Amino acid sequence: MSAQLEIEKIVRSHVDIRVVGGDGESSEVFGYVVPLTNWISDECARRPILSDQFALSVSRDEGAAYFDSLVDCAHGTTDPGFRERPAATVLSVVVGSADVVLARAGKLGINTGTPLLVWLVGEGAMGSLPAVHYQFAPNVRRTVAGESTSPELFLKVVQGLVRVVLESRDGSCGDVIESAALSAVMRGVGYAVS
């Protein structure tokens, strides 16, 4: 008698980050993203199994790829099907200047079914927070702006969300986006949650 085994495929959790910046703002905006990509690279080098469970991509708003953990962190992986394994986007992040994010909100290709973190940087961010926040309905979302936002705070928040994604059974972090715990981390900055 032969037994048939049913093997469930692992679905990778994908975090999609979009960098939105106008002319001359790219260096400020990428100052928020580079520490994150460095951290992901270090984590994947320390624990290569992460690439089987998780992927993080960073792209510019016009679609050009900046960082893809499945390419940039594929330490010793030679399996041709490695990149084609199924993945589900569980978190979207938009980081950029308020006016450009507001102008391009509908053109970013953000999945409306995933939790969303919008991080506004630069001049006018605080004043545009409500308008930007409501531009991304119906996502479960948190929009952040303020003079005291920093690349370090951005890194800390996204690191926390990535850890939740890795530890949760279904890769979901929607509850954390709306949580009081995340609000406590953001003491001193403006944010809106829906």
Protein backbone atom coordinates (compact mmCIF):
# COMPACT_ATOMS: atom_id res chain seq x y z
CA MET A 1 0.00 0.00 0.00
CA SER A 2 1.38 3.38 -0.88
CA ALA A 3 0.54 6.53 0.97
CA GLN A 4 0.12 9.81 -0.78
CA LEU A 5 1.63 12.78 0.95
CA GLU A 6 0.25 16.21 0.35
CA ILE A 7 2.97 18.81 0.60
CA GLU A 8 1.89 22.36 1.21
CA LYS A 9 3.99 24.94 -0.57
CA ILE A 10 5.49 27.68 1.53
CA VAL A 11 4.21 31.07 0.46
CA ARG A 12 6.78 33.78 0.98
CA SER A 13 5.67 36.93 2.80
CA HIS A 14 6.55 39.97 0.70
CA VAL A 15 7.07 43.52 1.94
CA ASP A 16 6.74 46.04 -0.90
CA ILE A 17 8.41 49.43 -0.38
CA ARG A 18 7.87 52.31 -2.81
CA VAL A 19 10.20 55.30 -2.74
CA VAL A 20 8.54 58.50 -3.99
CA GLY A 21 10.61 61.61 -4.49
CA GLY A 22 10.70 64.63 -6.72
CA ASP A 23 13.74 66.20 -8.32
CA GLY A 24 16.46 66.84 -5.77
CA GLU A 25 14.64 64.93 -3.00
CA SER A 26 15.87 61.44 -3.82
CA SER A 27 18.92 61.55 -1.55
CA GLU A 28 16.82 62.57 1.47
CA VAL A 29 14.23 59.89 0.79
CA PHE A 30 16.82 57.17 0.13
CA GLY A 31 18.47 58.17 3.42
CA TYR A 32 15.44 56.52 5.03
CA VAL A 33 15.61 53.35 2.93
CA VAL A 34 19.34 52.54 2.79
CA PRO A 35 19.67 51.60 6.50
CA LEU A 36 16.71 49.24 6.05
CA THR A 37 18.19 47.50 3.03
CA ASN A 38 21.51 47.17 4.87
CA TRP A 39 19.72 45.58 7.83
CA ILE A 40 17.83 43.13 5.58
CA SER A 41 21.08 42.18 3.82
CA ASP A 42 22.76 41.52 7.17
CA GLU A 43 19.80 39.47 8.44
CA CYS A 44 19.70 37.35 5.28
CA ALA A 45 23.46 36.75 5.48
CA ARG A 46 23.12 35.66 9.12
CA ARG A 47 20.04 33.51 8.50
CA PRO A 48 19.86 32.39 4.84
CA ILE A 49 16.58 30.54 5.53
CA LEU A 50 14.84 33.94 5.67
CA SER A 51 14.86 34.02 1.87
CA ASP A 52 12.55 31.00 1.85
CA GLN A 53 10.05 32.75 4.13
CA PHE A 54 10.37 36.41 3.31
CA ALA A 55 11.15 38.89 0.54
CA LEU A 56 11.56 42.65 0.65
CA SER A 57 11.66 44.81 -2.44
CA VAL A 58 12.28 48.52 -2.83
CA SER A 59 11.31 50.28 -6.03
CA ARG A 60 11.10 53.84 -7.20
CA ASP A 61 7.62 55.16 -7.90
CA GLU A 62 8.17 54.87 -11.64
CA GLY A 63 8.77 51.12 -11.19
CA ALA A 64 12.56 50.86 -11.37
CA ALA A 65 13.90 48.32 -8.88
CA TYR A 66 16.35 49.59 -6.29
CA PHE A 67 16.65 46.54 -4.01
CA ASP A 68 15.25 43.01 -4.07
CA SER A 69 16.24 40.71 -1.22
CA LEU A 70 15.78 37.67 -3.48
CA VAL A 71 18.48 39.00 -5.79
CA ASP A 72 20.67 41.13 -3.56
CA CYS A 73 20.68 38.64 -0.65
CA ALA A 74 20.61 35.28 -2.46
CA HIS A 75 23.74 34.04 -0.72
CA GLY A 76 24.85 30.91 -2.57
CA THR A 77 21.41 30.13 -3.99
CA THR A 78 21.65 28.43 -7.37
CA ASP A 79 18.14 26.95 -7.62
CA PRO A 80 16.58 28.42 -10.79
CA GLY A 81 13.08 28.26 -9.27
CA PHE A 82 14.11 30.18 -6.15
CA ARG A 83 12.67 33.52 -7.31
CA GLU A 84 9.52 31.98 -8.80
CA ARG A 85 8.24 30.51 -5.53
CA PRO A 86 4.82 31.85 -4.58
CA ALA A 87 4.72 35.07 -2.57
CA ALA A 88 1.96 37.17 -1.03
CA THR A 89 2.39 40.87 -0.32
CA VAL A 90 1.60 41.32 3.38
CA LEU A 91 2.75 44.91 3.89
CA SER A 92 3.19 47.92 1.62
CA VAL A 93 5.29 50.93 2.61
CA VAL A 94 5.42 54.27 0.83
CA VAL A 95 8.15 56.73 1.81
CA GLY A 96 8.55 60.14 0.21
CA SER A 97 7.82 63.83 0.21
CA ALA A 98 4.20 64.74 0.93
CA ASP A 99 3.47 66.71 -2.23
CA VAL A 100 4.87 64.03 -4.53
CA VAL A 101 3.15 61.19 -2.66
CA LEU A 102 -0.13 63.10 -2.84
CA ALA A 103 0.29 63.77 -6.57
CA ARG A 104 1.16 60.15 -7.41
CA ALA A 105 -0.96 58.25 -4.87
CA GLY A 106 -3.21 56.59 -7.44
CA LYS A 107 -0.32 55.65 -9.73
CA LEU A 108 1.90 53.77 -7.27
CA GLY A 109 0.37 50.34 -7.86
CA ILE A 110 -0.10 49.65 -4.14
CA ASN A 111 -2.15 46.56 -3.35
CA THR A 112 -5.33 47.84 -1.68
CA GLY A 113 -5.73 44.58 0.24
CA THR A 114 -2.56 44.90 2.30
CA PRO A 115 -1.78 46.96 5.39
CA LEU A 116 0.01 50.17 4.45
CA LEU A 117 2.54 52.43 6.14
CA VAL A 118 2.97 55.85 4.51
CA TRP A 119 6.00 57.76 5.79
CA LEU A 120 6.12 61.43 4.77
CA VAL A 121 9.42 63.30 4.83
CA GLY A 122 10.52 66.83 4.14
CA GLU A 123 8.89 70.22 4.19
CA GLY A 124 5.11 70.39 4.37
CA ALA A 125 4.75 66.78 5.51
CA MET A 126 2.76 67.54 8.65
CA GLY A 127 0.30 69.85 6.90
CA SER A 128 -0.38 67.26 4.19
CA LEU A 129 -0.82 64.31 6.54
CA PRO A 130 -4.67 64.15 6.53
CA ALA A 131 -4.96 64.60 2.75
CA VAL A 132 -2.33 61.93 2.05
CA HIS A 133 -3.84 59.53 4.60
CA TYR A 134 -7.29 59.59 3.02
CA GLN A 135 -5.84 59.25 -0.47
CA PHE A 136 -4.96 55.59 0.28
CA ALA A 137 -8.39 54.26 1.36
CA PRO A 138 -9.46 51.39 1.70
CA ASN A 139 -6.17 50.01 3.07
CA VAL A 140 -5.67 49.45 6.79
CA ARG A 141 -3.10 52.20 7.07
CA ARG A 142 -0.95 54.46 9.17
CA THR A 143 0.41 57.70 7.78
CA VAL A 144 3.35 59.29 9.60
CA ALA A 145 4.78 62.81 9.37
CA GLY A 146 6.54 65.31 11.57
CA GLU A 147 9.68 67.28 12.19
CA SER A 148 11.07 64.59 14.49
CA THR A 149 10.77 61.69 12.04
CA SER A 150 14.16 60.28 11.22
CA PRO A 151 15.73 57.43 9.27
CA GLU A 152 16.41 55.76 12.63
CA LEU A 153 12.74 55.84 13.65
CA PHE A 154 11.68 54.62 10.20
CA LEU A 155 14.16 51.73 10.49
CA LYS A 156 12.94 50.84 14.01
CA VAL A 157 9.28 50.82 12.93
CA VAL A 158 9.80 48.79 9.76
CA GLN A 159 12.10 46.34 11.59
CA GLY A 160 9.31 45.78 14.09
CA LEU A 161 6.76 45.21 11.33
CA VAL A 162 9.09 42.77 9.53
CA ARG A 163 9.54 40.82 12.77
CA VAL A 164 5.75 40.61 13.18
CA VAL A 165 5.45 39.34 9.59
CA LEU A 166 8.07 36.65 10.23
CA GLU A 167 6.53 35.55 13.53
CA SER A 168 2.86 35.54 12.54
CA ARG A 169 1.29 32.40 11.19
CA ASP A 170 -0.31 34.11 8.20
CA GLY A 171 2.28 36.88 7.71
CA SER A 172 -0.25 39.54 8.63
CA CYS A 173 0.66 42.78 10.39
CA GLY A 174 -2.59 44.75 9.95
CA ASP A 175 -3.34 44.63 13.68
CA VAL A 176 0.09 46.08 14.45
CA ILE A 177 -0.36 48.95 11.96
CA GLU A 178 -3.40 50.02 13.99
CA SER A 179 -1.98 49.17 17.43
CA ALA A 180 -1.38 51.36 20.46
CA ALA A 181 2.05 49.73 20.79
CA LEU A 182 3.13 51.19 17.46
CA SER A 183 1.64 54.54 18.44
CA ALA A 184 3.78 54.50 21.60
CA VAL A 185 6.93 54.05 19.52
CA MET A 186 5.94 57.13 17.53
CA ARG A 187 5.61 59.47 20.46
CA GLY A 188 6.36 63.00 19.28
CA VAL A 189 5.48 62.52 15.61
CA GLY A 190 2.19 63.09 13.84
CA TYR A 191 0.26 60.14 12.51
CA ALA A 192 -3.19 59.09 11.37
CA VAL A 193 -4.54 55.53 11.62
CA SER A 194 -7.48 53.95 9.78
